[in-house]
Amino acid sequence: MSIEERLNVLNRFITASVSKNLTTSAADALDDYLKDKDRFIYSTRLSFIITHPGFVSYLKKSGLTEMEIGYCCLYCIGMNGKEIVSYLNKKSFYNSSSAIREKLGMARNKTNLDIFLRKKMAELG
């Protein structure tokens, strides 16, 4: 159901753009969809399972939890750590990002997690 909801929101924007009639209903639908943060992270992770199965498999084999995989997907759609913290409204996210770095075997300050994950996603598909 989450992928279907996500696609329905996207379809509203596509229709509004094609018809040159970007209405507030499309923006409202997106706002409503993003309010349920767990649902959004879940659907983002599901979309990555479909579009980047090698990458998700790598994250699973590295021992990441489902929620940690969802966080990694947020990085890969273009968010940075500050934006994720702001969206989730959870200061504890920094602990999660440290746990992710550790599970992926990343040196503490060698590279940004978002850069590392996007490279890995491009490499593994």
PDB file of N, CA and C in Angstrom:
ATOM      1  N   MET A   1       0.815  -1.200   0.000  1.00  0.00           N
ATOM      2  CA  MET A   1       0.000   0.000   0.000  1.00  0.00           C
ATOM      3  C   MET A   1       0.859   1.265   0.000  1.00  0.00           C
ATOM      4  N   SER A   2       1.998   1.268   0.661  1.00  0.00           N
ATOM      5  CA  SER A   2       2.831   2.466   0.737  1.00  0.00           C
ATOM      6  C   SER A   2       3.365   2.898  -0.623  1.00  0.00           C
ATOM      7  N   ILE A   3       3.798   1.957  -1.433  1.00  0.00           N
ATOM      8  CA  ILE A   3       4.298   2.310  -2.764  1.00  0.00           C
ATOM      9  C   ILE A   3       3.164   2.897  -3.595  1.00  0.00           C
ATOM     10  N   GLU A   4       1.984   2.306  -3.470  1.00  0.00           N
ATOM     11  CA  GLU A   4       0.834   2.821  -4.214  1.00  0.00           C
ATOM     12  C   GLU A   4       0.513   4.260  -3.797  1.00  0.00           C
ATOM     13  N   GLU A   5       0.524   4.533  -2.509  1.00  0.00           N
ATOM     14  CA  GLU A   5       0.264   5.895  -2.029  1.00  0.00           C
ATOM     15  C   GLU A   5       1.321   6.863  -2.543  1.00  0.00           C
ATOM     16  N   ARG A   6       2.568   6.435  -2.488  1.00  0.00           N
ATOM     17  CA  ARG A   6       3.675   7.272  -2.954  1.00  0.00           C
ATOM     18  C   ARG A   6       3.511   7.601  -4.432  1.00  0.00           C
ATOM     19  N   LEU A   7       3.172   6.605  -5.220  1.00  0.00           N
ATOM     20  CA  LEU A   7       2.985   6.819  -6.658  1.00  0.00           C
ATOM     21  C   LEU A   7       1.774   7.696  -6.943  1.00  0.00           C
ATOM     22  N   ASN A   8       0.737   7.559  -6.153  1.00  0.00           N
ATOM     23  CA  ASN A   8      -0.442   8.414  -6.341  1.00  0.00           C
ATOM     24  C   ASN A   8      -0.101   9.882  -6.125  1.00  0.00           C
ATOM     25  N   VAL A   9       0.712  10.171  -5.103  1.00  0.00           N
ATOM     26  CA  VAL A   9       1.135  11.561  -4.862  1.00  0.00           C
ATOM     27  C   VAL A   9       1.961  12.054  -6.051  1.00  0.00           C
ATOM     28  N   LEU A  10       2.897  11.243  -6.505  1.00  0.00           N
ATOM     29  CA  LEU A  10       3.718  11.610  -7.658  1.00  0.00           C
ATOM     30  C   LEU A  10       2.855  11.832  -8.900  1.00  0.00           C
ATOM     31  N   ASN A  11       1.899  10.964  -9.103  1.00  0.00           N
ATOM     32  CA  ASN A  11       1.016  11.098 -10.267  1.00  0.00           C
ATOM     33  C   ASN A  11       0.222  12.397 -10.243  1.00  0.00           C
ATOM     34  N   ARG A  12      -0.154  12.850  -9.058  1.00  0.00           N
ATOM     35  CA  ARG A  12      -0.873  14.130  -8.959  1.00  0.00           C
ATOM     36  C   ARG A  12       0.015  15.275  -9.434  1.00  0.00           C
ATOM     37  N   PHE A  13       1.294  15.227  -9.089  1.00  0.00           N
ATOM     38  CA  PHE A  13       2.225  16.266  -9.539  1.00  0.00           C
ATOM     39  C   PHE A  13       2.458  16.179 -11.040  1.00  0.00           C
ATOM     40  N   ILE A  14       2.569  14.972 -11.561  1.00  0.00           N
ATOM     41  CA  ILE A  14       2.772  14.801 -13.005  1.00  0.00           C
ATOM     42  C   ILE A  14       1.567  15.344 -13.768  1.00  0.00           C
ATOM     43  N   THR A  15       0.390  14.979 -13.336  1.00  0.00           N
ATOM     44  CA  THR A  15      -0.830  15.455 -13.992  1.00  0.00           C
ATOM     45  C   THR A  15      -0.929  16.976 -13.925  1.00  0.00           C
ATOM     46  N   ALA A  16      -0.640  17.535 -12.747  1.00  0.00           N
ATOM     47  CA  ALA A  16      -0.702  18.992 -12.588  1.00  0.00           C
ATOM     48  C   ALA A  16       0.309  19.691 -13.489  1.00  0.00           C
ATOM     49  N   SER A  17       1.497  19.107 -13.632  1.00  0.00           N
ATOM     50  CA  SER A  17       2.523  19.712 -14.478  1.00  0.00           C
ATOM     51  C   SER A  17       2.142  19.643 -15.949  1.00  0.00           C
ATOM     52  N   VAL A  18       1.673  18.492 -16.399  1.00  0.00           N
ATOM     53  CA  VAL A  18       1.285  18.320 -17.803  1.00  0.00           C
ATOM     54  C   VAL A  18       0.128  19.245 -18.156  1.00  0.00           C
ATOM     55  N   SER A  19      -0.822  19.375 -17.250  1.00  0.00           N
ATOM     56  CA  SER A  19      -1.983  20.215 -17.525  1.00  0.00           C
ATOM     57  C   SER A  19      -1.708  21.693 -17.242  1.00  0.00           C
ATOM     58  N   LYS A  20      -0.476  21.980 -16.806  1.00  0.00           N
ATOM     59  CA  LYS A  20      -0.076  23.363 -16.464  1.00  0.00           C
ATOM     60  C   LYS A  20      -1.003  23.955 -15.405  1.00  0.00           C
ATOM     61  N   ASN A  21      -1.470  23.072 -14.537  1.00  0.00           N
ATOM     62  CA  ASN A  21      -2.416  23.491 -13.518  1.00  0.00           C
ATOM     63  C   ASN A  21      -1.979  22.915 -12.164  1.00  0.00           C
ATOM     64  N   LEU A  22      -0.842  23.401 -11.690  1.00  0.00           N
ATOM     65  CA  LEU A  22      -0.338  22.920 -10.418  1.00  0.00           C
ATOM     66  C   LEU A  22      -1.239  23.464  -9.315  1.00  0.00           C
ATOM     67  N   THR A  23      -2.078  22.601  -8.842  1.00  0.00           N
ATOM     68  CA  THR A  23      -3.041  23.018  -7.835  1.00  0.00           C
ATOM     69  C   THR A  23      -2.504  22.751  -6.440  1.00  0.00           C
ATOM     70  N   THR A  24      -3.152  23.362  -5.502  1.00  0.00           N
ATOM     71  CA  THR A  24      -2.737  23.132  -4.120  1.00  0.00           C
ATOM     72  C   THR A  24      -3.072  21.710  -3.685  1.00  0.00           C
ATOM     73  N   SER A  25      -3.955  21.028  -4.379  1.00  0.00           N
ATOM     74  CA  SER A  25      -4.303  19.671  -3.969  1.00  0.00           C
ATOM     75  C   SER A  25      -3.100  18.728  -4.082  1.00  0.00           C
ATOM     76  N   ALA A  26      -2.270  18.916  -5.102  1.00  0.00           N
ATOM     77  CA  ALA A  26      -1.067  18.095  -5.230  1.00  0.00           C
ATOM     78  C   ALA A  26      -0.103  18.392  -4.091  1.00  0.00           C
ATOM     79  N   ALA A  27       0.098  19.657  -3.789  1.00  0.00           N
ATOM     80  CA  ALA A  27       0.979  20.031  -2.684  1.00  0.00           C
ATOM     81  C   ALA A  27       0.410  19.568  -1.348  1.00  0.00           C
ATOM     82  N   ASP A  28      -0.889  19.660  -1.191  1.00  0.00           N
ATOM     83  CA  ASP A  28      -1.531  19.193   0.042  1.00  0.00           C
ATOM     84  C   ASP A  28      -1.378  17.683   0.202  1.00  0.00           C
ATOM     85  N   ALA A  29      -1.507  16.959  -0.904  1.00  0.00           N
ATOM     86  CA  ALA A  29      -1.351  15.506  -0.853  1.00  0.00           C
ATOM     87  C   ALA A  29       0.070  15.136  -0.421  1.00  0.00           C
ATOM     88  N   LEU A  30       1.044  15.878  -0.939  1.00  0.00           N
ATOM     89  CA  LEU A  30       2.432  15.625  -0.546  1.00  0.00           C
ATOM     90  C   LEU A  30       2.649  15.957   0.931  1.00  0.00           C
ATOM     91  N   ASP A  31       2.131  17.071   1.368  1.00  0.00           N
ATOM     92  CA  ASP A  31       2.256  17.436   2.785  1.00  0.00           C
ATOM     93  C   ASP A  31       1.647  16.369   3.687  1.00  0.00           C
ATOM     94  N   ASP A  32       0.453  15.905   3.334  1.00  0.00           N
ATOM     95  CA  ASP A  32      -0.203  14.860   4.122  1.00  0.00           C
ATOM     96  C   ASP A  32       0.630  13.581   4.138  1.00  0.00           C
ATOM     97  N   TYR A  33       1.183  13.236   2.987  1.00  0.00           N
ATOM     98  CA  TYR A  33       1.983  12.012   2.877  1.00  0.00           C
ATOM     99  C   TYR A  33       3.235  12.096   3.742  1.00  0.00           C
ATOM    100  N   LEU A  34       3.877  13.253   3.755  1.00  0.00           N
ATOM    101  CA  LEU A  34       5.126  13.417   4.502  1.00  0.00           C
ATOM    102  C   LEU A  34       4.922  13.528   6.010  1.00  0.00           C
ATOM    103  N   LYS A  35       3.710  13.814   6.435  1.00  0.00           N
ATOM    104  CA  LYS A  35       3.441  13.931   7.875  1.00  0.00           C
ATOM    105  C   LYS A  35       3.663  12.616   8.610  1.00  0.00           C
ATOM    106  N   ASP A  36       3.338  11.512   7.960  1.00  0.00           N
ATOM    107  CA  ASP A  36       3.558  10.205   8.573  1.00  0.00           C
ATOM    108  C   ASP A  36       4.979   9.759   8.213  1.00  0.00           C
ATOM    109  N   LYS A  37       5.919  10.146   9.064  1.00  0.00           N
ATOM    110  CA  LYS A  37       7.342   9.933   8.781  1.00  0.00           C
ATOM    111  C   LYS A  37       7.700   8.458   8.655  1.00  0.00           C
ATOM    112  N   ASP A  38       7.142   7.620   9.515  1.00  0.00           N
ATOM    113  CA  ASP A  38       7.439   6.186   9.434  1.00  0.00           C
ATOM    114  C   ASP A  38       6.955   5.596   8.116  1.00  0.00           C
ATOM    115  N   ARG A  39       5.771   6.020   7.676  1.00  0.00           N
ATOM    116  CA  ARG A  39       5.230   5.532   6.402  1.00  0.00           C
ATOM    117  C   ARG A  39       6.105   5.995   5.238  1.00  0.00           C
ATOM    118  N   PHE A  40       6.560   7.246   5.298  1.00  0.00           N
ATOM    119  CA  PHE A  40       7.409   7.764   4.229  1.00  0.00           C
ATOM    120  C   PHE A  40       8.733   7.007   4.171  1.00  0.00           C
ATOM    121  N   ILE A  41       9.354   6.790   5.326  1.00  0.00           N
ATOM    122  CA  ILE A  41      10.628   6.045   5.353  1.00  0.00           C
ATOM    123  C   ILE A  41      10.405   4.621   4.854  1.00  0.00           C
ATOM    124  N   TYR A  42       9.312   4.014   5.272  1.00  0.00           N
ATOM    125  CA  TYR A  42       8.991   2.652   4.839  1.00  0.00           C
ATOM    126  C   TYR A  42       8.829   2.587   3.320  1.00  0.00           C
ATOM    127  N   SER A  43       8.081   3.511   2.751  1.00  0.00           N
ATOM    128  CA  SER A  43       7.863   3.482   1.298  1.00  0.00           C
ATOM    129  C   SER A  43       9.143   3.816   0.539  1.00  0.00           C
ATOM    130  N   THR A  44       9.980   4.657   1.124  1.00  0.00           N
ATOM    131  CA  THR A  44      11.259   4.970   0.496  1.00  0.00           C
ATOM    132  C   THR A  44      12.125   3.706   0.447  1.00  0.00           C
ATOM    133  N   ARG A  45      12.157   2.991   1.560  1.00  0.00           N
ATOM    134  CA  ARG A  45      12.929   1.738   1.607  1.00  0.00           C
ATOM    135  C   ARG A  45      12.371   0.730   0.603  1.00  0.00           C
ATOM    136  N   LEU A  46      11.047   0.608   0.532  1.00  0.00           N
ATOM    137  CA  LEU A  46      10.452  -0.319  -0.438  1.00  0.00           C
ATOM    138  C   LEU A  46      10.806   0.054  -1.877  1.00  0.00           C
ATOM    139  N   SER A  47      10.807   1.344  -2.167  1.00  0.00           N
ATOM    140  CA  SER A  47      11.143   1.762  -3.531  1.00  0.00           C
ATOM    141  C   SER A  47      12.600   1.431  -3.850  1.00  0.00           C
ATOM    142  N   PHE A  48      13.467   1.504  -2.855  1.00  0.00           N
ATOM    143  CA  PHE A  48      14.869   1.155  -3.074  1.00  0.00           C
ATOM    144  C   PHE A  48      15.059  -0.351  -3.235  1.00  0.00           C
ATOM    145  N   ILE A  49      14.237  -1.138  -2.572  1.00  0.00           N
ATOM    146  CA  ILE A  49      14.302  -2.591  -2.757  1.00  0.00           C
ATOM    147  C   ILE A  49      14.032  -2.929  -4.220  1.00  0.00           C
ATOM    148  N   ILE A  50      13.126  -2.176  -4.837  1.00  0.00           N
ATOM    149  CA  ILE A  50      12.777  -2.402  -6.236  1.00  0.00           C
ATOM    150  C   ILE A  50      13.836  -1.824  -7.175  1.00  0.00           C
ATOM    151  N   THR A  51      14.273  -0.596  -6.910  1.00  0.00           N
ATOM    152  CA  THR A  51      15.154   0.098  -7.856  1.00  0.00           C
ATOM    153  C   THR A  51      16.649  -0.134  -7.614  1.00  0.00           C
ATOM    154  N   HIS A  52      17.022  -0.490  -6.396  1.00  0.00           N
ATOM    155  CA  HIS A  52      18.439  -0.688  -6.057  1.00  0.00           C
ATOM    156  C   HIS A  52      18.620  -1.923  -5.176  1.00  0.00           C
ATOM    157  N   PRO A  53      18.238  -3.101  -5.695  1.00  0.00           N
ATOM    158  CA  PRO A  53      18.267  -4.304  -4.857  1.00  0.00           C
ATOM    159  C   PRO A  53      19.666  -4.672  -4.360  1.00  0.00           C
ATOM    160  N   GLY A  54      20.696  -4.449  -5.168  1.00  0.00           N
ATOM    161  CA  GLY A  54      22.064  -4.757  -4.741  1.00  0.00           C
ATOM    162  C   GLY A  54      22.495  -3.905  -3.566  1.00  0.00           C
ATOM    163  N   PHE A  55      22.117  -2.650  -3.599  1.00  0.00           N
ATOM    164  CA  PHE A  55      22.448  -1.714  -2.527  1.00  0.00           C
ATOM    165  C   PHE A  55      21.745  -2.113  -1.231  1.00  0.00           C
ATOM    166  N   VAL A  56      20.447  -2.405  -1.314  1.00  0.00           N
ATOM    167  CA  VAL A  56      19.698  -2.800  -0.120  1.00  0.00           C
ATOM    168  C   VAL A  56      20.235  -4.111   0.432  1.00  0.00           C
ATOM    169  N   SER A  57      20.587  -5.030  -0.441  1.00  0.00           N
ATOM    170  CA  SER A  57      21.171  -6.302  -0.009  1.00  0.00           C
ATOM    171  C   SER A  57      22.479  -6.062   0.750  1.00  0.00           C
ATOM    172  N   TYR A  58      23.313  -5.172   0.244  1.00  0.00           N
ATOM    173  CA  TYR A  58      24.564  -4.807   0.923  1.00  0.00           C
ATOM    174  C   TYR A  58      24.285  -4.268   2.327  1.00  0.00           C
ATOM    175  N   LEU A  59      23.294  -3.396   2.447  1.00  0.00           N
ATOM    176  CA  LEU A  59      22.960  -2.817   3.751  1.00  0.00           C
ATOM    177  C   LEU A  59      22.463  -3.893   4.710  1.00  0.00           C
ATOM    178  N   LYS A  60      21.641  -4.819   4.211  1.00  0.00           N
ATOM    179  CA  LYS A  60      21.152  -5.910   5.052  1.00  0.00           C
ATOM    180  C   LYS A  60      22.301  -6.804   5.506  1.00  0.00           C
ATOM    181  N   LYS A  61      23.194  -7.143   4.575  1.00  0.00           N
ATOM    182  CA  LYS A  61      24.334  -8.003   4.914  1.00  0.00           C
ATOM    183  C   LYS A  61      25.278  -7.328   5.899  1.00  0.00           C
ATOM    184  N   SER A  62      25.252  -6.003   5.934  1.00  0.00           N
ATOM    185  CA  SER A  62      26.088  -5.253   6.873  1.00  0.00           C
ATOM    186  C   SER A  62      25.463  -5.199   8.266  1.00  0.00           C
ATOM    187  N   GLY A  63      24.262  -5.745   8.401  1.00  0.00           N
ATOM    188  CA  GLY A  63      23.616  -5.823   9.702  1.00  0.00           C
ATOM    189  C   GLY A  63      22.742  -4.648  10.068  1.00  0.00           C
ATOM    190  N   LEU A  64      22.403  -3.805   9.097  1.00  0.00           N
ATOM    191  CA  LEU A  64      21.543  -2.662   9.386  1.00  0.00           C
ATOM    192  C   LEU A  64      20.109  -3.115   9.633  1.00  0.00           C
ATOM    193  N   THR A  65      19.431  -2.430  10.542  1.00  0.00           N
ATOM    194  CA  THR A  65      18.015  -2.698  10.792  1.00  0.00           C
ATOM    195  C   THR A  65      17.196  -2.108   9.645  1.00  0.00           C
ATOM    196  N   GLU A  66      15.918  -2.461   9.597  1.00  0.00           N
ATOM    197  CA  GLU A  66      15.040  -1.916   8.562  1.00  0.00           C
ATOM    198  C   GLU A  66      14.988  -0.386   8.635  1.00  0.00           C
ATOM    199  N   MET A  67      14.909   0.149   9.850  1.00  0.00           N
ATOM    200  CA  MET A  67      14.851   1.612  10.008  1.00  0.00           C
ATOM    201  C   MET A  67      16.174   2.244   9.571  1.00  0.00           C
ATOM    202  N   GLU A  68      17.299   1.633   9.911  1.00  0.00           N
ATOM    203  CA  GLU A  68      18.596   2.161   9.474  1.00  0.00           C
ATOM    204  C   GLU A  68      18.708   2.138   7.953  1.00  0.00           C
ATOM    205  N   ILE A  69      18.189   1.100   7.332  1.00  0.00           N
ATOM    206  CA  ILE A  69      18.180   1.043   5.865  1.00  0.00           C
ATOM    207  C   ILE A  69      17.323   2.189   5.320  1.00  0.00           C
ATOM    208  N   GLY A  70      16.203   2.446   5.957  1.00  0.00           N
ATOM    209  CA  GLY A  70      15.361   3.575   5.557  1.00  0.00           C
ATOM    210  C   GLY A  70      16.095   4.896   5.662  1.00  0.00           C
ATOM    211  N   TYR A  71      16.856   5.075   6.741  1.00  0.00           N
ATOM    212  CA  TYR A  71      17.649   6.297   6.898  1.00  0.00           C
ATOM    213  C   TYR A  71      18.672   6.422   5.769  1.00  0.00           C
ATOM    214  N   CYS A  72      19.313   5.303   5.432  1.00  0.00           N
ATOM    215  CA  CYS A  72      20.290   5.324   4.331  1.00  0.00           C
ATOM    216  C   CYS A  72      19.622   5.742   3.028  1.00  0.00           C
ATOM    217  N   CYS A  73      18.408   5.280   2.824  1.00  0.00           N
ATOM    218  CA  CYS A  73      17.661   5.654   1.613  1.00  0.00           C
ATOM    219  C   CYS A  73      17.356   7.146   1.597  1.00  0.00           C
ATOM    220  N   LEU A  74      17.090   7.731   2.775  1.00  0.00           N
ATOM    221  CA  LEU A  74      16.868   9.183   2.827  1.00  0.00           C
ATOM    222  C   LEU A  74      18.115   9.931   2.384  1.00  0.00           C
ATOM    223  N   TYR A  75      19.282   9.457   2.815  1.00  0.00           N
ATOM    224  CA  TYR A  75      20.528  10.065   2.346  1.00  0.00           C
ATOM    225  C   TYR A  75      20.624   9.951   0.822  1.00  0.00           C
ATOM    226  N   CYS A  76      20.260   8.787   0.307  1.00  0.00           N
ATOM    227  CA  CYS A  76      20.426   8.537  -1.126  1.00  0.00           C
ATOM    228  C   CYS A  76      19.430   9.297  -2.000  1.00  0.00           C
ATOM    229  N   ILE A  77      18.314   9.738  -1.435  1.00  0.00           N
ATOM    230  CA  ILE A  77      17.409  10.552  -2.256  1.00  0.00           C
ATOM    231  C   ILE A  77      17.833  12.014  -2.251  1.00  0.00           C
ATOM    232  N   GLY A  78      18.919  12.315  -1.524  1.00  0.00           N
ATOM    233  CA  GLY A  78      19.474  13.662  -1.575  1.00  0.00           C
ATOM    234  C   GLY A  78      19.474  14.431  -0.277  1.00  0.00           C
ATOM    235  N   MET A  79      18.964  13.834   0.786  1.00  0.00           N
ATOM    236  CA  MET A  79      18.961  14.548   2.066  1.00  0.00           C
ATOM    237  C   MET A  79      20.338  14.438   2.720  1.00  0.00           C
ATOM    238  N   ASN A  80      20.673  15.430   3.534  1.00  0.00           N
ATOM    239  CA  ASN A  80      21.891  15.322   4.334  1.00  0.00           C
ATOM    240  C   ASN A  80      21.465  15.100   5.785  1.00  0.00           C
ATOM    241  N   GLY A  81      22.442  14.898   6.652  1.00  0.00           N
ATOM    242  CA  GLY A  81      22.147  14.586   8.042  1.00  0.00           C
ATOM    243  C   GLY A  81      21.295  15.635   8.734  1.00  0.00           C
ATOM    244  N   LYS A  82      21.603  16.909   8.527  1.00  0.00           N
ATOM    245  CA  LYS A  82      20.829  17.980   9.163  1.00  0.00           C
ATOM    246  C   LYS A  82      19.384  17.985   8.684  1.00  0.00           C
ATOM    247  N   GLU A  83      19.190  17.731   7.400  1.00  0.00           N
ATOM    248  CA  GLU A  83      17.829  17.699   6.860  1.00  0.00           C
ATOM    249  C   GLU A  83      17.041  16.512   7.412  1.00  0.00           C
ATOM    250  N   ILE A  84      17.714  15.382   7.565  1.00  0.00           N
ATOM    251  CA  ILE A  84      17.051  14.200   8.122  1.00  0.00           C
ATOM    252  C   ILE A  84      16.658  14.457   9.574  1.00  0.00           C
ATOM    253  N   VAL A  85      17.574  15.045  10.349  1.00  0.00           N
ATOM    254  CA  VAL A  85      17.271  15.378  11.740  1.00  0.00           C
ATOM    255  C   VAL A  85      16.088  16.335  11.807  1.00  0.00           C
ATOM    256  N   SER A  86      16.085  17.336  10.947  1.00  0.00           N
ATOM    257  CA  SER A  86      14.998  18.313  10.923  1.00  0.00           C
ATOM    258  C   SER A  86      13.677  17.643  10.555  1.00  0.00           C
ATOM    259  N   TYR A  87      13.692  16.799   9.533  1.00  0.00           N
ATOM    260  CA  TYR A  87      12.479  16.115   9.095  1.00  0.00           C
ATOM    261  C   TYR A  87      11.952  15.175  10.184  1.00  0.00           C
ATOM    262  N   LEU A  88      12.845  14.378  10.754  1.00  0.00           N
ATOM    263  CA  LEU A  88      12.421  13.406  11.764  1.00  0.00           C
ATOM    264  C   LEU A  88      12.136  14.049  13.114  1.00  0.00           C
ATOM    265  N   ASN A  89      12.743  15.221  13.335  1.00  0.00           N
ATOM    266  CA  ASN A  89      12.631  15.909  14.618  1.00  0.00           C
ATOM    267  C   ASN A  89      13.136  15.023  15.760  1.00  0.00           C
ATOM    268  N   LYS A  90      14.261  14.330  15.487  1.00  0.00           N
ATOM    269  CA  LYS A  90      14.864  13.422  16.463  1.00  0.00           C
ATOM    270  C   LYS A  90      16.358  13.719  16.560  1.00  0.00           C
ATOM    271  N   LYS A  91      16.769  14.251  17.680  1.00  0.00           N
ATOM    272  CA  LYS A  91      18.194  14.477  17.868  1.00  0.00           C
ATOM    273  C   LYS A  91      18.941  13.159  18.004  1.00  0.00           C
ATOM    274  N   SER A  92      18.234  12.110  18.388  1.00  0.00           N
ATOM    275  CA  SER A  92      18.857  10.791  18.542  1.00  0.00           C
ATOM    276  C   SER A  92      19.290  10.202  17.200  1.00  0.00           C
ATOM    277  N   PHE A  93      18.912  10.851  16.105  1.00  0.00           N
ATOM    278  CA  PHE A  93      19.312  10.350  14.790  1.00  0.00           C
ATOM    279  C   PHE A  93      20.827  10.280  14.664  1.00  0.00           C
ATOM    280  N   TYR A  94      21.538  11.187  15.304  1.00  0.00           N
ATOM    281  CA  TYR A  94      22.997  11.165  15.225  1.00  0.00           C
ATOM    282  C   TYR A  94      23.556   9.866  15.788  1.00  0.00           C
ATOM    283  N   ASN A  95      22.908   9.312  16.814  1.00  0.00           N
ATOM    284  CA  ASN A  95      23.327   8.007  17.330  1.00  0.00           C
ATOM    285  C   ASN A  95      23.104   6.928  16.282  1.00  0.00           C
ATOM    286  N   SER A  96      21.990   7.007  15.580  1.00  0.00           N
ATOM    287  CA  SER A  96      21.703   6.044  14.521  1.00  0.00           C
ATOM    288  C   SER A  96      22.723   6.153  13.400  1.00  0.00           C
ATOM    289  N   SER A  97      23.085   7.377  13.048  1.00  0.00           N
ATOM    290  CA  SER A  97      24.044   7.535  11.963  1.00  0.00           C
ATOM    291  C   SER A  97      25.417   7.019  12.375  1.00  0.00           C
ATOM    292  N   SER A  98      25.771   7.154  13.635  1.00  0.00           N
ATOM    293  CA  SER A  98      27.037   6.583  14.124  1.00  0.00           C
ATOM    294  C   SER A  98      26.999   5.063  14.067  1.00  0.00           C
ATOM    295  N   ALA A  99      25.854   4.487  14.435  1.00  0.00           N
ATOM    296  CA  ALA A  99      25.706   3.032  14.373  1.00  0.00           C
ATOM    297  C   ALA A  99      25.793   2.541  12.929  1.00  0.00           C
ATOM    298  N   ILE A 100      25.201   3.282  12.005  1.00  0.00           N
ATOM    299  CA  ILE A 100      25.259   2.922  10.583  1.00  0.00           C
ATOM    300  C   ILE A 100      26.705   2.947  10.105  1.00  0.00           C
ATOM    301  N   ARG A 101      27.418   4.014  10.439  1.00  0.00           N
ATOM    302  CA  ARG A 101      28.826   4.134  10.033  1.00  0.00           C
ATOM    303  C   ARG A 101      29.628   2.947  10.548  1.00  0.00           C
ATOM    304  N   GLU A 102      29.393   2.587  11.796  1.00  0.00           N
ATOM    305  CA  GLU A 102      30.129   1.478  12.399  1.00  0.00           C
ATOM    306  C   GLU A 102      29.812   0.163  11.697  1.00  0.00           C
ATOM    307  N   LYS A 103      28.532  -0.103  11.447  1.00  0.00           N
ATOM    308  CA  LYS A 103      28.137  -1.341  10.782  1.00  0.00           C
ATOM    309  C   LYS A 103      28.684  -1.430   9.360  1.00  0.00           C
ATOM    310  N   LEU A 104      28.869  -0.281   8.727  1.00  0.00           N
ATOM    311  CA  LEU A 104      29.405  -0.266   7.361  1.00  0.00           C
ATOM    312  C   LEU A 104      30.925  -0.243   7.345  1.00  0.00           C
ATOM    313  N   GLY A 105      31.527  -0.212   8.528  1.00  0.00           N
ATOM    314  CA  GLY A 105      32.990  -0.236   8.627  1.00  0.00           C
ATOM    315  C   GLY A 105      33.640   1.057   8.186  1.00  0.00           C
ATOM    316  N   MET A 106      32.940   2.159   8.345  1.00  0.00           N
ATOM    317  CA  MET A 106      33.469   3.460   7.928  1.00  0.00           C
ATOM    318  C   MET A 106      34.329   4.059   9.034  1.00  0.00           C
ATOM    319  N   ALA A 107      35.436   4.651   8.646  1.00  0.00           N
ATOM    320  CA  ALA A 107      36.246   5.403   9.599  1.00  0.00           C
ATOM    321  C   ALA A 107      35.426   6.581  10.100  1.00  0.00           C
ATOM    322  N   ARG A 108      35.669   6.978  11.312  1.00  0.00           N
ATOM    323  CA  ARG A 108      34.825   7.980  11.977  1.00  0.00           C
ATOM    324  C   ARG A 108      34.652   9.265  11.163  1.00  0.00           C
ATOM    325  N   ASN A 109      35.697   9.902  10.723  1.00  0.00           N
ATOM    326  CA  ASN A 109      35.571  11.181  10.014  1.00  0.00           C
ATOM    327  C   ASN A 109      36.185  11.149   8.623  1.00  0.00           C
ATOM    328  N   LYS A 110      36.278   9.975   8.035  1.00  0.00           N
ATOM    329  CA  LYS A 110      36.945   9.861   6.737  1.00  0.00           C
ATOM    330  C   LYS A 110      36.131  10.475   5.601  1.00  0.00           C
ATOM    331  N   THR A 111      34.842  10.213   5.560  1.00  0.00           N
ATOM    332  CA  THR A 111      33.978  10.754   4.511  1.00  0.00           C
ATOM    333  C   THR A 111      32.575  10.946   5.069  1.00  0.00           C
ATOM    334  N   ASN A 112      31.810  11.783   4.430  1.00  0.00           N
ATOM    335  CA  ASN A 112      30.421  11.990   4.850  1.00  0.00           C
ATOM    336  C   ASN A 112      29.607  10.746   4.517  1.00  0.00           C
ATOM    337  N   LEU A 113      28.702  10.418   5.408  1.00  0.00           N
ATOM    338  CA  LEU A 113      27.874   9.229   5.225  1.00  0.00           C
ATOM    339  C   LEU A 113      27.056   9.331   3.948  1.00  0.00           C
ATOM    340  N   ASP A 114      26.501  10.505   3.658  1.00  0.00           N
ATOM    341  CA  ASP A 114      25.681  10.637   2.444  1.00  0.00           C
ATOM    342  C   ASP A 114      26.502  10.388   1.181  1.00  0.00           C
ATOM    343  N   ILE A 115      27.710  10.893   1.132  1.00  0.00           N
ATOM    344  CA  ILE A 115      28.580  10.679  -0.037  1.00  0.00           C
ATOM    345  C   ILE A 115      28.925   9.205  -0.177  1.00  0.00           C
ATOM    346  N   PHE A 116      29.298   8.580   0.935  1.00  0.00           N
ATOM    347  CA  PHE A 116      29.636   7.155   0.934  1.00  0.00           C
ATOM    348  C   PHE A 116      28.465   6.325   0.416  1.00  0.00           C
ATOM    349  N   LEU A 117      27.270   6.592   0.941  1.00  0.00           N
ATOM    350  CA  LEU A 117      26.102   5.801   0.561  1.00  0.00           C
ATOM    351  C   LEU A 117      25.724   5.996  -0.908  1.00  0.00           C
ATOM    352  N   ARG A 118      25.799   7.221  -1.391  1.00  0.00           N
ATOM    353  CA  ARG A 118      25.451   7.456  -2.807  1.00  0.00           C
ATOM    354  C   ARG A 118      26.443   6.772  -3.737  1.00  0.00           C
ATOM    355  N   LYS A 119      27.713   6.766  -3.373  1.00  0.00           N
ATOM    356  CA  LYS A 119      28.718   6.055  -4.189  1.00  0.00           C
ATOM    357  C   LYS A 119      28.449   4.571  -4.168  1.00  0.00           C
ATOM    358  N   LYS A 120      28.140   4.033  -2.983  1.00  0.00           N
ATOM    359  CA  LYS A 120      27.882   2.611  -2.847  1.00  0.00           C
ATOM    360  C   LYS A 120      26.639   2.216  -3.641  1.00  0.00           C
ATOM    361  N   MET A 121      25.612   3.055  -3.605  1.00  0.00           N
ATOM    362  CA  MET A 121      24.391   2.787  -4.351  1.00  0.00           C
ATOM    363  C   MET A 121      24.681   2.757  -5.863  1.00  0.00           C
ATOM    364  N   ALA A 122      25.475   3.709  -6.344  1.00  0.00           N
ATOM    365  CA  ALA A 122      25.816   3.758  -7.771  1.00  0.00           C
ATOM    366  C   ALA A 122      26.636   2.521  -8.163  1.00  0.00           C
ATOM    367  N   GLU A 123      27.492   2.103  -7.263  1.00  0.00           N
ATOM    368  CA  GLU A 123      28.362   0.953  -7.516  1.00  0.00           C
ATOM    369  C   GLU A 123      27.578  -0.367  -7.537  1.00  0.00           C
ATOM    370  N   LEU A 124      26.632  -0.533  -6.626  1.00  0.00           N
ATOM    371  CA  LEU A 124      25.953  -1.804  -6.444  1.00  0.00           C
ATOM    372  C   LEU A 124      24.595  -1.918  -7.134  1.00  0.00           C
ATOM    373  N   GLY A 125      24.025  -0.780  -7.440  1.00  0.00           N
ATOM    374  CA  GLY A 125      22.712  -0.794  -8.093  1.00  0.00           C
ATOM    375  C   GLY A 125      21.578  -1.165  -7.205  1.00  0.00           C
TER     376      GLY A 125
END
